[in-house]
Amino acid sequence: MKQQEITKMSLEDVKNQVSNLSERLAKMKLAHTVAPMENPIQIRDMRRTIARLKTELTKREAQA
């Protein structure tokens, strides 16, 4: 997910995305532990997307 897409999202959408992606990341990590994934780079990409979303949340809360 690009930064431009994140800035266009509403505050509630950002919060929902963070929770959804965090759950998916936990499942991906568990699945990767049990049986190695074909593309483990997906874990890194998802972690970075979550970080972008959390950064946007912090920025918006600071403005309010």
N, C-alpha and C. Protein backbone atom coordinates (compact mmCIF):
# COMPACT_ATOMS: atom_id res chain seq x y z
N MET A 1 0.85 -1.17 0.00
CA MET A 1 0.00 0.00 0.00
C MET A 1 0.90 1.24 0.00
N LYS A 2 0.62 2.14 -0.89
CA LYS A 2 1.41 3.35 -1.03
C LYS A 2 1.01 4.40 0.00
N GLN A 3 1.91 5.32 0.27
CA GLN A 3 1.64 6.38 1.24
C GLN A 3 0.49 7.27 0.76
N GLN A 4 0.39 7.50 -0.52
CA GLN A 4 -0.69 8.33 -1.06
C GLN A 4 -2.05 7.70 -0.77
N GLU A 5 -2.14 6.39 -0.88
CA GLU A 5 -3.39 5.69 -0.59
C GLU A 5 -3.75 5.82 0.88
N ILE A 6 -2.75 5.76 1.72
CA ILE A 6 -2.98 5.83 3.16
C ILE A 6 -3.49 7.21 3.57
N THR A 7 -2.92 8.26 2.98
CA THR A 7 -3.33 9.61 3.35
C THR A 7 -4.75 9.91 2.90
N LYS A 8 -5.24 9.24 1.89
CA LYS A 8 -6.61 9.45 1.41
C LYS A 8 -7.64 8.73 2.27
N MET A 9 -7.21 7.77 3.09
CA MET A 9 -8.13 6.98 3.90
C MET A 9 -8.61 7.78 5.11
N SER A 10 -9.82 7.43 5.59
CA SER A 10 -10.34 8.08 6.79
C SER A 10 -9.64 7.48 8.01
N LEU A 11 -9.81 8.13 9.14
CA LEU A 11 -9.16 7.69 10.37
C LEU A 11 -9.62 6.30 10.78
N GLU A 12 -10.93 6.04 10.65
CA GLU A 12 -11.46 4.72 11.00
C GLU A 12 -10.93 3.64 10.07
N ASP A 13 -10.82 3.97 8.79
CA ASP A 13 -10.29 3.00 7.82
C ASP A 13 -8.85 2.63 8.16
N VAL A 14 -8.07 3.63 8.56
CA VAL A 14 -6.67 3.38 8.91
C VAL A 14 -6.60 2.45 10.12
N LYS A 15 -7.42 2.73 11.14
CA LYS A 15 -7.43 1.88 12.34
C LYS A 15 -7.84 0.45 12.00
N ASN A 16 -8.85 0.31 11.15
CA ASN A 16 -9.30 -1.03 10.75
C ASN A 16 -8.21 -1.77 9.98
N GLN A 17 -7.54 -1.06 9.08
CA GLN A 17 -6.47 -1.67 8.30
C GLN A 17 -5.34 -2.15 9.21
N VAL A 18 -4.99 -1.35 10.22
CA VAL A 18 -3.92 -1.74 11.14
C VAL A 18 -4.29 -3.04 11.85
N SER A 19 -5.52 -3.12 12.34
CA SER A 19 -5.91 -4.33 13.06
C SER A 19 -5.98 -5.54 12.13
N ASN A 20 -6.54 -5.35 10.94
CA ASN A 20 -6.63 -6.47 9.98
C ASN A 20 -5.26 -6.97 9.55
N LEU A 21 -4.38 -6.03 9.21
CA LEU A 21 -3.06 -6.44 8.74
C LEU A 21 -2.23 -7.04 9.86
N SER A 22 -2.42 -6.58 11.09
CA SER A 22 -1.69 -7.15 12.22
C SER A 22 -2.09 -8.61 12.43
N GLU A 23 -3.37 -8.88 12.31
CA GLU A 23 -3.84 -10.27 12.43
C GLU A 23 -3.26 -11.13 11.31
N ARG A 24 -3.31 -10.60 10.09
CA ARG A 24 -2.77 -11.36 8.95
C ARG A 24 -1.27 -11.61 9.11
N LEU A 25 -0.55 -10.60 9.63
CA LEU A 25 0.89 -10.75 9.83
C LEU A 25 1.18 -11.86 10.84
N ALA A 26 0.42 -11.89 11.92
CA ALA A 26 0.62 -12.94 12.93
C ALA A 26 0.38 -14.32 12.32
N LYS A 27 -0.66 -14.44 11.50
CA LYS A 27 -0.96 -15.72 10.86
C LYS A 27 0.14 -16.11 9.87
N MET A 28 0.65 -15.12 9.13
CA MET A 28 1.71 -15.39 8.17
C MET A 28 2.98 -15.85 8.89
N LYS A 29 3.31 -15.21 9.99
CA LYS A 29 4.50 -15.60 10.74
C LYS A 29 4.38 -17.02 11.26
N LEU A 30 3.20 -17.36 11.77
CA LEU A 30 2.98 -18.71 12.28
C LEU A 30 3.08 -19.73 11.14
N ALA A 31 2.46 -19.42 10.02
CA ALA A 31 2.51 -20.33 8.88
C ALA A 31 3.94 -20.49 8.37
N HIS A 32 4.71 -19.42 8.42
CA HIS A 32 6.10 -19.47 7.95
C HIS A 32 6.96 -20.31 8.90
N THR A 33 6.62 -20.27 10.19
CA THR A 33 7.36 -21.06 11.17
C THR A 33 7.11 -22.55 10.96
N VAL A 34 5.86 -22.89 10.69
CA VAL A 34 5.48 -24.29 10.51
C VAL A 34 6.06 -24.84 9.21
N ALA A 35 5.81 -24.13 8.12
CA ALA A 35 6.32 -24.56 6.81
C ALA A 35 6.79 -23.30 6.08
N PRO A 36 8.04 -23.26 5.66
CA PRO A 36 8.56 -22.06 5.00
C PRO A 36 7.71 -21.62 3.80
N MET A 37 7.49 -20.32 3.72
CA MET A 37 6.70 -19.76 2.63
C MET A 37 7.54 -19.69 1.36
N GLU A 38 6.85 -19.64 0.23
CA GLU A 38 7.56 -19.48 -1.03
C GLU A 38 8.21 -18.10 -1.11
N ASN A 39 7.47 -17.09 -0.62
CA ASN A 39 7.96 -15.72 -0.71
C ASN A 39 7.93 -15.05 0.67
N PRO A 40 8.97 -15.24 1.47
CA PRO A 40 8.98 -14.67 2.82
C PRO A 40 9.10 -13.14 2.83
N ILE A 41 9.37 -12.54 1.68
CA ILE A 41 9.45 -11.09 1.59
C ILE A 41 8.09 -10.46 1.88
N GLN A 42 7.01 -11.24 1.70
CA GLN A 42 5.67 -10.74 2.00
C GLN A 42 5.54 -10.32 3.45
N ILE A 43 6.22 -11.03 4.34
CA ILE A 43 6.18 -10.69 5.77
C ILE A 43 6.79 -9.31 5.98
N ARG A 44 7.92 -9.07 5.37
CA ARG A 44 8.59 -7.77 5.51
C ARG A 44 7.73 -6.65 4.93
N ASP A 45 7.14 -6.88 3.77
CA ASP A 45 6.30 -5.87 3.15
C ASP A 45 5.09 -5.54 4.01
N MET A 46 4.47 -6.55 4.60
CA MET A 46 3.30 -6.32 5.44
C MET A 46 3.70 -5.56 6.71
N ARG A 47 4.83 -5.91 7.28
CA ARG A 47 5.32 -5.22 8.47
C ARG A 47 5.56 -3.74 8.18
N ARG A 48 6.11 -3.46 7.02
CA ARG A 48 6.36 -2.06 6.64
C ARG A 48 5.07 -1.31 6.35
N THR A 49 4.10 -1.97 5.78
CA THR A 49 2.79 -1.35 5.54
C THR A 49 2.13 -0.99 6.86
N ILE A 50 2.20 -1.90 7.82
CA ILE A 50 1.64 -1.62 9.15
C ILE A 50 2.34 -0.42 9.77
N ALA A 51 3.64 -0.34 9.61
CA ALA A 51 4.40 0.79 10.15
C ALA A 51 3.96 2.10 9.50
N ARG A 52 3.71 2.08 8.19
CA ARG A 52 3.23 3.29 7.50
C ARG A 52 1.88 3.72 8.05
N LEU A 53 0.99 2.75 8.25
CA LEU A 53 -0.34 3.05 8.78
C LEU A 53 -0.25 3.62 10.19
N LYS A 54 0.58 3.03 11.03
CA LYS A 54 0.73 3.52 12.40
C LYS A 54 1.34 4.92 12.44
N THR A 55 2.26 5.19 11.53
CA THR A 55 2.84 6.52 11.44
C THR A 55 1.78 7.54 11.07
N GLU A 56 0.92 7.19 10.14
CA GLU A 56 -0.17 8.08 9.73
C GLU A 56 -1.13 8.32 10.91
N LEU A 57 -1.43 7.29 11.67
CA LEU A 57 -2.29 7.44 12.85
C LEU A 57 -1.67 8.42 13.85
N THR A 58 -0.40 8.26 14.11
CA THR A 58 0.29 9.14 15.05
C THR A 58 0.27 10.57 14.56
N LYS A 59 0.49 10.75 13.26
CA LYS A 59 0.51 12.09 12.68
C LYS A 59 -0.86 12.75 12.80
N ARG A 60 -1.92 11.99 12.53
CA ARG A 60 -3.26 12.56 12.62
C ARG A 60 -3.66 12.86 14.05
N GLU A 61 -3.27 12.02 15.00
CA GLU A 61 -3.59 12.27 16.39
C GLU A 61 -2.85 13.48 16.92
N ALA A 62 -1.66 13.73 16.42
CA ALA A 62 -0.89 14.91 16.84
C ALA A 62 -1.54 16.19 16.33
N GLN A 63 -2.17 16.12 15.16
CA GLN A 63 -2.83 17.30 14.59
C GLN A 63 -4.12 17.62 15.31
N ALA A 64 -4.78 16.62 15.86
CA ALA A 64 -6.09 16.82 16.51
C ALA A 64 -5.97 17.39 17.90
